[in-house]
Amino acid sequence: MSVLMHIEGLDKAHGPHVLFEGAAVSISEGDKIGFIGRNGAGKSTLLHMIVGDETQDAGEIVIHPACRLGYLKQHEDYEKGETVLEYLERISGREEWECAKMAGGFDLKKERLHVPYESLSGGYRMRVKIAAMLLKDPNLLLLDEPTNFLDLQTQLLLERFLQEWNGAFIIVWHDREFLMETCEQTMEAERGKLFLF
Protein backbone atom coordinates (compact mmCIF):
# COMPACT_ATOMS: atom_id res chain seq x y z
CA MET A 1 0.00 0.00 0.00
CA SER A 2 1.29 3.43 -0.86
CA VAL A 3 2.19 6.04 1.73
CA LEU A 4 -0.23 8.98 1.93
CA MET A 5 1.70 11.13 4.39
CA HIS A 6 4.90 11.01 6.35
CA ILE A 7 6.22 13.08 9.21
CA GLU A 8 9.96 13.33 9.85
CA GLY A 9 11.95 15.10 12.59
CA LEU A 10 8.92 17.05 13.81
CA ASP A 11 9.51 19.65 16.54
CA LYS A 12 6.77 21.78 18.09
CA ALA A 13 6.62 23.75 21.31
CA HIS A 14 4.11 26.15 22.84
CA GLY A 15 6.40 28.43 24.83
CA PRO A 16 8.38 26.26 27.27
CA HIS A 17 5.98 23.31 26.77
CA VAL A 18 7.53 20.89 24.26
CA LEU A 19 4.89 18.88 22.37
CA PHE A 20 7.04 17.13 19.76
CA GLU A 21 10.78 16.60 19.48
CA GLY A 22 12.07 14.65 16.50
CA ALA A 23 8.71 12.88 16.05
CA ALA A 24 8.27 10.67 12.98
CA VAL A 25 5.49 8.50 11.52
CA SER A 26 4.14 7.30 8.15
CA ILE A 27 0.45 6.86 7.25
CA SER A 28 -0.49 4.54 4.38
CA GLU A 29 -3.64 3.84 2.38
CA GLY A 30 -6.29 2.07 4.45
CA ASP A 31 -4.66 2.73 7.87
CA LYS A 32 -7.38 3.00 10.54
CA ILE A 33 -5.67 4.75 13.43
CA GLY A 34 -6.88 5.76 16.88
CA PHE A 35 -4.75 8.66 18.13
CA ILE A 36 -4.31 8.71 21.91
CA GLY A 37 -2.23 10.57 24.48
CA ARG A 38 -2.75 12.54 27.67
CA ASN A 39 -4.40 15.97 27.55
CA GLY A 40 -1.91 18.53 26.25
CA ALA A 41 0.24 15.91 24.47
CA GLY A 42 -0.31 17.64 21.11
CA LYS A 43 -2.96 15.47 19.41
CA SER A 44 -5.12 18.33 18.11
CA THR A 45 -2.02 20.44 17.40
CA LEU A 46 -0.65 17.67 15.14
CA LEU A 47 -3.89 17.61 13.13
CA HIS A 48 -3.78 21.42 12.84
CA MET A 49 -0.21 21.20 11.51
CA ILE A 50 -1.14 18.51 8.99
CA VAL A 51 -3.90 20.69 7.49
CA GLY A 52 -1.76 23.84 7.65
CA ASP A 53 -3.66 25.72 10.38
CA GLU A 54 -0.47 25.74 12.50
CA THR A 55 3.21 25.53 11.58
CA GLN A 56 5.83 23.22 13.02
CA ASP A 57 9.05 24.60 14.52
CA ALA A 58 11.18 22.10 12.58
CA GLY A 59 10.89 18.91 10.56
CA GLU A 60 8.69 17.92 7.65
CA ILE A 61 5.06 16.97 7.16
CA VAL A 62 4.90 15.59 3.62
CA ILE A 63 1.46 15.07 2.09
CA HIS A 64 1.91 12.84 -0.95
CA PRO A 65 0.17 13.77 -4.25
CA ALA A 66 -2.21 10.78 -3.98
CA CYS A 67 -3.46 11.98 -0.58
CA ARG A 68 -6.82 13.79 -0.39
CA LEU A 69 -7.29 15.06 3.15
CA GLY A 70 -10.68 15.32 4.81
CA TYR A 71 -10.61 17.27 8.07
CA LEU A 72 -13.48 17.33 10.55
CA LYS A 73 -13.09 20.57 12.49
CA GLN A 74 -14.43 21.03 16.00
CA HIS A 75 -15.57 24.63 15.43
CA GLU A 76 -18.65 25.68 13.46
CA ASP A 77 -18.39 27.37 10.06
CA TYR A 78 -22.01 27.92 9.03
CA GLU A 79 -23.61 31.15 7.82
CA LYS A 80 -26.64 32.56 9.62
CA GLY A 81 -29.94 31.25 8.28
CA GLU A 82 -28.23 28.73 5.98
CA THR A 83 -30.15 25.47 5.46
CA VAL A 84 -28.53 22.04 5.69
CA LEU A 85 -28.57 21.68 1.89
CA GLU A 86 -27.16 25.18 1.34
CA TYR A 87 -24.39 24.46 3.85
CA LEU A 88 -23.46 21.21 2.09
CA GLU A 89 -23.44 22.86 -1.35
CA ARG A 90 -21.30 25.79 -0.14
CA ILE A 91 -18.75 23.68 1.75
CA SER A 92 -18.38 20.96 -0.90
CA GLY A 93 -19.00 22.86 -4.15
CA ARG A 94 -21.08 19.86 -5.30
CA GLU A 95 -24.49 19.73 -7.00
CA GLU A 96 -27.69 19.70 -4.93
CA TRP A 97 -28.52 16.07 -5.83
CA GLU A 98 -25.02 14.89 -4.80
CA CYS A 99 -25.34 16.69 -1.47
CA ALA A 100 -28.81 15.24 -0.83
CA LYS A 101 -27.62 11.72 -1.68
CA MET A 102 -24.63 11.89 0.69
CA ALA A 103 -26.75 13.45 3.46
CA GLY A 104 -29.29 10.64 3.09
CA GLY A 105 -26.65 8.16 4.23
CA PHE A 106 -26.65 9.98 7.57
CA ASP A 107 -30.47 10.08 7.87
CA LEU A 108 -30.65 13.71 6.69
CA LYS A 109 -33.60 13.47 4.30
CA LYS A 110 -36.60 15.44 3.00
CA GLU A 111 -37.54 18.27 5.38
CA ARG A 112 -34.30 17.87 7.38
CA LEU A 113 -32.38 19.16 4.36
CA HIS A 114 -34.31 22.44 4.41
CA VAL A 115 -34.11 23.40 8.09
CA PRO A 116 -31.56 26.02 9.23
CA TYR A 117 -28.25 24.37 10.14
CA GLU A 118 -28.11 26.39 13.37
CA SER A 119 -31.41 24.82 14.56
CA LEU A 120 -29.93 21.30 14.61
CA SER A 121 -28.80 19.40 17.70
CA GLY A 122 -25.10 18.65 18.19
CA GLY A 123 -25.57 15.11 16.85
CA TYR A 124 -27.25 16.24 13.64
CA ARG A 125 -24.72 19.05 13.11
CA MET A 126 -21.96 16.43 13.28
CA ARG A 127 -23.80 14.31 10.68
CA VAL A 128 -23.95 17.31 8.34
CA LYS A 129 -20.24 18.07 8.85
CA ILE A 130 -19.27 14.44 8.14
CA ALA A 131 -21.39 14.47 4.94
CA ALA A 132 -19.76 17.76 3.86
CA MET A 133 -16.29 16.32 4.44
CA LEU A 134 -17.08 13.14 2.46
CA LEU A 135 -18.46 15.12 -0.50
CA LYS A 136 -14.87 16.28 -1.10
CA ASP A 137 -13.90 12.63 -1.82
CA PRO A 138 -11.04 12.29 0.71
CA ASN A 139 -8.94 9.16 1.19
CA LEU A 140 -7.44 10.20 4.56
CA LEU A 141 -9.84 11.49 7.22
CA LEU A 142 -8.66 13.50 10.23
CA LEU A 143 -11.29 13.37 12.99
CA ASP A 144 -10.69 15.44 16.13
CA GLU A 145 -12.94 14.13 18.91
CA PRO A 146 -15.94 13.74 16.57
CA THR A 147 -18.10 12.02 19.17
CA ASN A 148 -18.22 15.03 21.53
CA PHE A 149 -21.85 16.09 22.07
CA LEU A 150 -23.19 13.15 20.04
CA ASP A 151 -26.34 11.26 20.90
CA LEU A 152 -26.04 7.47 20.97
CA GLN A 153 -27.77 7.02 17.60
CA THR A 154 -25.29 9.32 15.83
CA GLN A 155 -22.35 7.71 17.64
CA LEU A 156 -23.47 4.28 16.40
CA LEU A 157 -23.93 5.68 12.88
CA LEU A 158 -20.37 7.07 12.96
CA GLU A 159 -19.02 3.79 14.33
CA ARG A 160 -20.67 1.79 11.53
CA PHE A 161 -19.47 4.27 8.92
CA LEU A 162 -15.83 4.03 10.10
CA GLN A 163 -16.00 0.22 10.16
CA GLU A 164 -17.16 0.20 6.51
CA TRP A 165 -14.92 3.06 5.27
CA ASN A 166 -12.29 1.88 2.76
CA GLY A 167 -9.96 4.89 3.13
CA ALA A 168 -7.52 5.75 5.90
CA PHE A 169 -8.34 7.77 9.00
CA ILE A 170 -6.78 9.19 12.14
CA ILE A 171 -9.28 9.71 14.95
CA VAL A 172 -8.59 11.51 18.23
CA TRP A 173 -10.90 10.17 20.92
CA HIS A 174 -10.78 9.16 24.58
CA ASP A 175 -13.33 6.33 24.45
CA ARG A 176 -11.17 3.22 24.14
CA GLU A 177 -14.15 0.98 23.41
CA PHE A 178 -15.11 3.17 20.43
CA LEU A 179 -11.50 3.06 19.17
CA MET A 180 -11.35 -0.73 19.58
CA GLU A 181 -14.53 -1.09 17.50
CA THR A 182 -13.31 1.16 14.67
CA CYS A 183 -9.48 1.18 14.57
CA GLU A 184 -6.84 -1.36 13.59
CA GLN A 185 -3.82 0.60 14.86
CA THR A 186 -3.07 3.00 17.70
CA MET A 187 -0.85 6.06 17.48
CA GLU A 188 0.30 7.52 20.78
CA ALA A 189 1.82 10.93 21.45
CA GLU A 190 4.17 10.53 24.39
CA ARG A 191 7.30 12.38 25.56
CA GLY A 192 7.55 14.30 22.29
CA LYS A 193 7.43 11.22 20.07
CA LEU A 194 4.80 9.43 17.98
CA PHE A 195 4.46 5.66 18.43
CA LEU A 196 2.37 3.60 15.98
CA PHE A 197 1.43 0.06 17.03
C-alpha atoms as a PDB file:
ATOM      1  CA  MET A   1       0.000   0.000   0.000  1.00  0.00           C
ATOM      2  CA  SER A   2       1.289   3.428  -0.861  1.00  0.00           C
ATOM      3  CA  VAL A   3       2.186   6.043   1.729  1.00  0.00           C
ATOM      4  CA  LEU A   4      -0.234   8.984   1.927  1.00  0.00           C
ATOM      5  CA  MET A   5       1.704  11.127   4.389  1.00  0.00           C
ATOM      6  CA  HIS A   6       4.903  11.014   6.351  1.00  0.00           C
ATOM      7  CA  ILE A   7       6.222  13.080   9.214  1.00  0.00           C
ATOM      8  CA  GLU A   8       9.963  13.334   9.849  1.00  0.00           C
ATOM      9  CA  GLY A   9      11.954  15.096  12.590  1.00  0.00           C
ATOM     10  CA  LEU A  10       8.916  17.054  13.811  1.00  0.00           C
ATOM     11  CA  ASP A  11       9.512  19.652  16.537  1.00  0.00           C
ATOM     12  CA  LYS A  12       6.769  21.783  18.088  1.00  0.00           C
ATOM     13  CA  ALA A  13       6.617  23.749  21.315  1.00  0.00           C
ATOM     14  CA  HIS A  14       4.108  26.147  22.843  1.00  0.00           C
ATOM     15  CA  GLY A  15       6.403  28.427  24.833  1.00  0.00           C
ATOM     16  CA  PRO A  16       8.376  26.265  27.274  1.00  0.00           C
ATOM     17  CA  HIS A  17       5.983  23.314  26.770  1.00  0.00           C
ATOM     18  CA  VAL A  18       7.530  20.888  24.255  1.00  0.00           C
ATOM     19  CA  LEU A  19       4.887  18.881  22.371  1.00  0.00           C
ATOM     20  CA  PHE A  20       7.039  17.131  19.757  1.00  0.00           C
ATOM     21  CA  GLU A  21      10.777  16.604  19.484  1.00  0.00           C
ATOM     22  CA  GLY A  22      12.066  14.646  16.501  1.00  0.00           C
ATOM     23  CA  ALA A  23       8.708  12.877  16.047  1.00  0.00           C
ATOM     24  CA  ALA A  24       8.266  10.670  12.975  1.00  0.00           C
ATOM     25  CA  VAL A  25       5.489   8.499  11.524  1.00  0.00           C
ATOM     26  CA  SER A  26       4.141   7.300   8.149  1.00  0.00           C
ATOM     27  CA  ILE A  27       0.454   6.864   7.253  1.00  0.00           C
ATOM     28  CA  SER A  28      -0.490   4.543   4.381  1.00  0.00           C
ATOM     29  CA  GLU A  29      -3.642   3.839   2.381  1.00  0.00           C
ATOM     30  CA  GLY A  30      -6.290   2.074   4.448  1.00  0.00           C
ATOM     31  CA  ASP A  31      -4.664   2.732   7.867  1.00  0.00           C
ATOM     32  CA  LYS A  32      -7.380   2.995  10.538  1.00  0.00           C
ATOM     33  CA  ILE A  33      -5.672   4.748  13.430  1.00  0.00           C
ATOM     34  CA  GLY A  34      -6.881   5.755  16.878  1.00  0.00           C
ATOM     35  CA  PHE A  35      -4.746   8.662  18.128  1.00  0.00           C
ATOM     36  CA  ILE A  36      -4.309   8.711  21.907  1.00  0.00           C
ATOM     37  CA  GLY A  37      -2.233  10.567  24.484  1.00  0.00           C
ATOM     38  CA  ARG A  38      -2.746  12.538  27.670  1.00  0.00           C
ATOM     39  CA  ASN A  39      -4.400  15.966  27.551  1.00  0.00           C
ATOM     40  CA  GLY A  40      -1.913  18.527  26.251  1.00  0.00           C
ATOM     41  CA  ALA A  41       0.239  15.913  24.470  1.00  0.00           C
ATOM     42  CA  GLY A  42      -0.314  17.641  21.114  1.00  0.00           C
ATOM     43  CA  LYS A  43      -2.960  15.472  19.411  1.00  0.00           C
ATOM     44  CA  SER A  44      -5.119  18.335  18.107  1.00  0.00           C
ATOM     45  CA  THR A  45      -2.016  20.436  17.397  1.00  0.00           C
ATOM     46  CA  LEU A  46      -0.647  17.668  15.144  1.00  0.00           C
ATOM     47  CA  LEU A  47      -3.886  17.609  13.125  1.00  0.00           C
ATOM     48  CA  HIS A  48      -3.777  21.424  12.844  1.00  0.00           C
ATOM     49  CA  MET A  49      -0.208  21.203  11.511  1.00  0.00           C
ATOM     50  CA  ILE A  50      -1.143  18.506   8.986  1.00  0.00           C
ATOM     51  CA  VAL A  51      -3.903  20.687   7.491  1.00  0.00           C
ATOM     52  CA  GLY A  52      -1.764  23.842   7.645  1.00  0.00           C
ATOM     53  CA  ASP A  53      -3.657  25.722  10.378  1.00  0.00           C
ATOM     54  CA  GLU A  54      -0.467  25.741  12.499  1.00  0.00           C
ATOM     55  CA  THR A  55       3.206  25.534  11.579  1.00  0.00           C
ATOM     56  CA  GLN A  56       5.831  23.222  13.022  1.00  0.00           C
ATOM     57  CA  ASP A  57       9.053  24.598  14.521  1.00  0.00           C
ATOM     58  CA  ALA A  58      11.184  22.102  12.582  1.00  0.00           C
ATOM     59  CA  GLY A  59      10.890  18.915  10.559  1.00  0.00           C
ATOM     60  CA  GLU A  60       8.688  17.921   7.647  1.00  0.00           C
ATOM     61  CA  ILE A  61       5.062  16.972   7.157  1.00  0.00           C
ATOM     62  CA  VAL A  62       4.904  15.586   3.618  1.00  0.00           C
ATOM     63  CA  ILE A  63       1.456  15.074   2.095  1.00  0.00           C
ATOM     64  CA  HIS A  64       1.906  12.843  -0.954  1.00  0.00           C
ATOM     65  CA  PRO A  65       0.173  13.766  -4.251  1.00  0.00           C
ATOM     66  CA  ALA A  66      -2.205  10.777  -3.984  1.00  0.00           C
ATOM     67  CA  CYS A  67      -3.458  11.980  -0.578  1.00  0.00           C
ATOM     68  CA  ARG A  68      -6.817  13.795  -0.393  1.00  0.00           C
ATOM     69  CA  LEU A  69      -7.285  15.062   3.149  1.00  0.00           C
ATOM     70  CA  GLY A  70     -10.678  15.321   4.808  1.00  0.00           C
ATOM     71  CA  TYR A  71     -10.605  17.268   8.074  1.00  0.00           C
ATOM     72  CA  LEU A  72     -13.480  17.326  10.555  1.00  0.00           C
ATOM     73  CA  LYS A  73     -13.094  20.568  12.485  1.00  0.00           C
ATOM     74  CA  GLN A  74     -14.428  21.029  15.998  1.00  0.00           C
ATOM     75  CA  HIS A  75     -15.571  24.630  15.434  1.00  0.00           C
ATOM     76  CA  GLU A  76     -18.652  25.683  13.460  1.00  0.00           C
ATOM     77  CA  ASP A  77     -18.387  27.374  10.057  1.00  0.00           C
ATOM     78  CA  TYR A  78     -22.012  27.916   9.029  1.00  0.00           C
ATOM     79  CA  GLU A  79     -23.607  31.146   7.821  1.00  0.00           C
ATOM     80  CA  LYS A  80     -26.640  32.562   9.623  1.00  0.00           C
ATOM     81  CA  GLY A  81     -29.944  31.247   8.280  1.00  0.00           C
ATOM     82  CA  GLU A  82     -28.227  28.727   5.981  1.00  0.00           C
ATOM     83  CA  THR A  83     -30.149  25.466   5.459  1.00  0.00           C
ATOM     84  CA  VAL A  84     -28.527  22.043   5.692  1.00  0.00           C
ATOM     85  CA  LEU A  85     -28.566  21.677   1.893  1.00  0.00           C
ATOM     86  CA  GLU A  86     -27.159  25.184   1.338  1.00  0.00           C
ATOM     87  CA  TYR A  87     -24.391  24.457   3.851  1.00  0.00           C
ATOM     88  CA  LEU A  88     -23.458  21.208   2.087  1.00  0.00           C
ATOM     89  CA  GLU A  89     -23.443  22.862  -1.349  1.00  0.00           C
ATOM     90  CA  ARG A  90     -21.297  25.793  -0.140  1.00  0.00           C
ATOM     91  CA  ILE A  91     -18.746  23.676   1.749  1.00  0.00           C
ATOM     92  CA  SER A  92     -18.379  20.963  -0.902  1.00  0.00           C
ATOM     93  CA  GLY A  93     -19.002  22.860  -4.149  1.00  0.00           C
ATOM     94  CA  ARG A  94     -21.082  19.859  -5.299  1.00  0.00           C
ATOM     95  CA  GLU A  95     -24.492  19.731  -7.003  1.00  0.00           C
ATOM     96  CA  GLU A  96     -27.690  19.700  -4.931  1.00  0.00           C
ATOM     97  CA  TRP A  97     -28.520  16.071  -5.835  1.00  0.00           C
ATOM     98  CA  GLU A  98     -25.017  14.890  -4.805  1.00  0.00           C
ATOM     99  CA  CYS A  99     -25.340  16.686  -1.470  1.00  0.00           C
ATOM    100  CA  ALA A 100     -28.807  15.239  -0.835  1.00  0.00           C
ATOM    101  CA  LYS A 101     -27.618  11.717  -1.680  1.00  0.00           C
ATOM    102  CA  MET A 102     -24.628  11.895   0.693  1.00  0.00           C
ATOM    103  CA  ALA A 103     -26.753  13.455   3.459  1.00  0.00           C
ATOM    104  CA  GLY A 104     -29.293  10.639   3.086  1.00  0.00           C
ATOM    105  CA  GLY A 105     -26.650   8.161   4.230  1.00  0.00           C
ATOM    106  CA  PHE A 106     -26.651   9.975   7.575  1.00  0.00           C
ATOM    107  CA  ASP A 107     -30.466  10.078   7.866  1.00  0.00           C
ATOM    108  CA  LEU A 108     -30.652  13.709   6.692  1.00  0.00           C
ATOM    109  CA  LYS A 109     -33.603  13.472   4.305  1.00  0.00           C
ATOM    110  CA  LYS A 110     -36.597  15.440   2.997  1.00  0.00           C
ATOM    111  CA  GLU A 111     -37.543  18.268   5.377  1.00  0.00           C
ATOM    112  CA  ARG A 112     -34.304  17.865   7.382  1.00  0.00           C
ATOM    113  CA  LEU A 113     -32.383  19.164   4.357  1.00  0.00           C
ATOM    114  CA  HIS A 114     -34.314  22.441   4.411  1.00  0.00           C
ATOM    115  CA  VAL A 115     -34.113  23.403   8.093  1.00  0.00           C
ATOM    116  CA  PRO A 116     -31.558  26.018   9.230  1.00  0.00           C
ATOM    117  CA  TYR A 117     -28.248  24.370  10.135  1.00  0.00           C
ATOM    118  CA  GLU A 118     -28.112  26.390  13.375  1.00  0.00           C
ATOM    119  CA  SER A 119     -31.405  24.819  14.560  1.00  0.00           C
ATOM    120  CA  LEU A 120     -29.926  21.303  14.607  1.00  0.00           C
ATOM    121  CA  SER A 121     -28.801  19.401  17.704  1.00  0.00           C
ATOM    122  CA  GLY A 122     -25.104  18.649  18.191  1.00  0.00           C
ATOM    123  CA  GLY A 123     -25.568  15.112  16.849  1.00  0.00           C
ATOM    124  CA  TYR A 124     -27.254  16.245  13.638  1.00  0.00           C
ATOM    125  CA  ARG A 125     -24.721  19.049  13.110  1.00  0.00           C
ATOM    126  CA  MET A 126     -21.963  16.431  13.278  1.00  0.00           C
ATOM    127  CA  ARG A 127     -23.798  14.307  10.682  1.00  0.00           C
ATOM    128  CA  VAL A 128     -23.949  17.307   8.338  1.00  0.00           C
ATOM    129  CA  LYS A 129     -20.238  18.072   8.847  1.00  0.00           C
ATOM    130  CA  ILE A 130     -19.273  14.444   8.136  1.00  0.00           C
ATOM    131  CA  ALA A 131     -21.392  14.466   4.944  1.00  0.00           C
ATOM    132  CA  ALA A 132     -19.756  17.764   3.860  1.00  0.00           C
ATOM    133  CA  MET A 133     -16.289  16.322   4.435  1.00  0.00           C
ATOM    134  CA  LEU A 134     -17.075  13.142   2.458  1.00  0.00           C
ATOM    135  CA  LEU A 135     -18.455  15.116  -0.498  1.00  0.00           C
ATOM    136  CA  LYS A 136     -14.867  16.278  -1.099  1.00  0.00           C
ATOM    137  CA  ASP A 137     -13.900  12.630  -1.819  1.00  0.00           C
ATOM    138  CA  PRO A 138     -11.042  12.294   0.708  1.00  0.00           C
ATOM    139  CA  ASN A 139      -8.943   9.165   1.194  1.00  0.00           C
ATOM    140  CA  LEU A 140      -7.441  10.202   4.563  1.00  0.00           C
ATOM    141  CA  LEU A 141      -9.840  11.493   7.216  1.00  0.00           C
ATOM    142  CA  LEU A 142      -8.658  13.498  10.234  1.00  0.00           C
ATOM    143  CA  LEU A 143     -11.289  13.368  12.989  1.00  0.00           C
ATOM    144  CA  ASP A 144     -10.687  15.439  16.127  1.00  0.00           C
ATOM    145  CA  GLU A 145     -12.942  14.126  18.909  1.00  0.00           C
ATOM    146  CA  PRO A 146     -15.940  13.736  16.572  1.00  0.00           C
ATOM    147  CA  THR A 147     -18.099  12.017  19.173  1.00  0.00           C
ATOM    148  CA  ASN A 148     -18.219  15.031  21.535  1.00  0.00           C
ATOM    149  CA  PHE A 149     -21.848  16.088  22.070  1.00  0.00           C
ATOM    150  CA  LEU A 150     -23.189  13.149  20.036  1.00  0.00           C
ATOM    151  CA  ASP A 151     -26.343  11.264  20.901  1.00  0.00           C
ATOM    152  CA  LEU A 152     -26.037   7.466  20.972  1.00  0.00           C
ATOM    153  CA  GLN A 153     -27.771   7.019  17.595  1.00  0.00           C
ATOM    154  CA  THR A 154     -25.287   9.325  15.827  1.00  0.00           C
ATOM    155  CA  GLN A 155     -22.351   7.711  17.639  1.00  0.00           C
ATOM    156  CA  LEU A 156     -23.473   4.276  16.399  1.00  0.00           C
ATOM    157  CA  LEU A 157     -23.932   5.683  12.880  1.00  0.00           C
ATOM    158  CA  LEU A 158     -20.374   7.071  12.958  1.00  0.00           C
ATOM    159  CA  GLU A 159     -19.018   3.791  14.330  1.00  0.00           C
ATOM    160  CA  ARG A 160     -20.671   1.791  11.526  1.00  0.00           C
ATOM    161  CA  PHE A 161     -19.468   4.272   8.915  1.00  0.00           C
ATOM    162  CA  LEU A 162     -15.834   4.030  10.099  1.00  0.00           C
ATOM    163  CA  GLN A 163     -16.003   0.222  10.159  1.00  0.00           C
ATOM    164  CA  GLU A 164     -17.161   0.196   6.506  1.00  0.00           C
ATOM    165  CA  TRP A 165     -14.925   3.064   5.273  1.00  0.00           C
ATOM    166  CA  ASN A 166     -12.290   1.884   2.757  1.00  0.00           C
ATOM    167  CA  GLY A 167      -9.963   4.885   3.126  1.00  0.00           C
ATOM    168  CA  ALA A 168      -7.518   5.753   5.895  1.00  0.00           C
ATOM    169  CA  PHE A 169      -8.336   7.774   8.997  1.00  0.00           C
ATOM    170  CA  ILE A 170      -6.778   9.189  12.142  1.00  0.00           C
ATOM    171  CA  ILE A 171      -9.283   9.706  14.951  1.00  0.00           C
ATOM    172  CA  VAL A 172      -8.593  11.506  18.234  1.00  0.00           C
ATOM    173  CA  TRP A 173     -10.905  10.175  20.922  1.00  0.00           C
ATOM    174  CA  HIS A 174     -10.778   9.156  24.578  1.00  0.00           C
ATOM    175  CA  ASP A 175     -13.327   6.329  24.448  1.00  0.00           C
ATOM    176  CA  ARG A 176     -11.168   3.220  24.140  1.00  0.00           C
ATOM    177  CA  GLU A 177     -14.152   0.983  23.413  1.00  0.00           C
ATOM    178  CA  PHE A 178     -15.107   3.166  20.426  1.00  0.00           C
ATOM    179  CA  LEU A 179     -11.497   3.061  19.166  1.00  0.00           C
ATOM    180  CA  MET A 180     -11.347  -0.726  19.578  1.00  0.00           C
ATOM    181  CA  GLU A 181     -14.532  -1.086  17.503  1.00  0.00           C
ATOM    182  CA  THR A 182     -13.312   1.156  14.667  1.00  0.00           C
ATOM    183  CA  CYS A 183      -9.483   1.178  14.566  1.00  0.00           C
ATOM    184  CA  GLU A 184      -6.840  -1.362  13.587  1.00  0.00           C
ATOM    185  CA  GLN A 185      -3.824   0.604  14.857  1.00  0.00           C
ATOM    186  CA  THR A 186      -3.066   2.996  17.704  1.00  0.00           C
ATOM    187  CA  MET A 187      -0.849   6.059  17.481  1.00  0.00           C
ATOM    188  CA  GLU A 188       0.303   7.519  20.782  1.00  0.00           C
ATOM    189  CA  ALA A 189       1.817  10.926  21.452  1.00  0.00           C
ATOM    190  CA  GLU A 190       4.171  10.530  24.388  1.00  0.00           C
ATOM    191  CA  ARG A 191       7.304  12.379  25.557  1.00  0.00           C
ATOM    192  CA  GLY A 192       7.546  14.305  22.294  1.00  0.00           C
ATOM    193  CA  LYS A 193       7.433  11.218  20.067  1.00  0.00           C
ATOM    194  CA  LEU A 194       4.796   9.431  17.977  1.00  0.00           C
ATOM    195  CA  PHE A 195       4.458   5.662  18.426  1.00  0.00           C
ATOM    196  CA  LEU A 196       2.371   3.597  15.976  1.00  0.00           C
ATOM    197  CA  PHE A 197       1.428   0.058  17.033  1.00  0.00           C
END
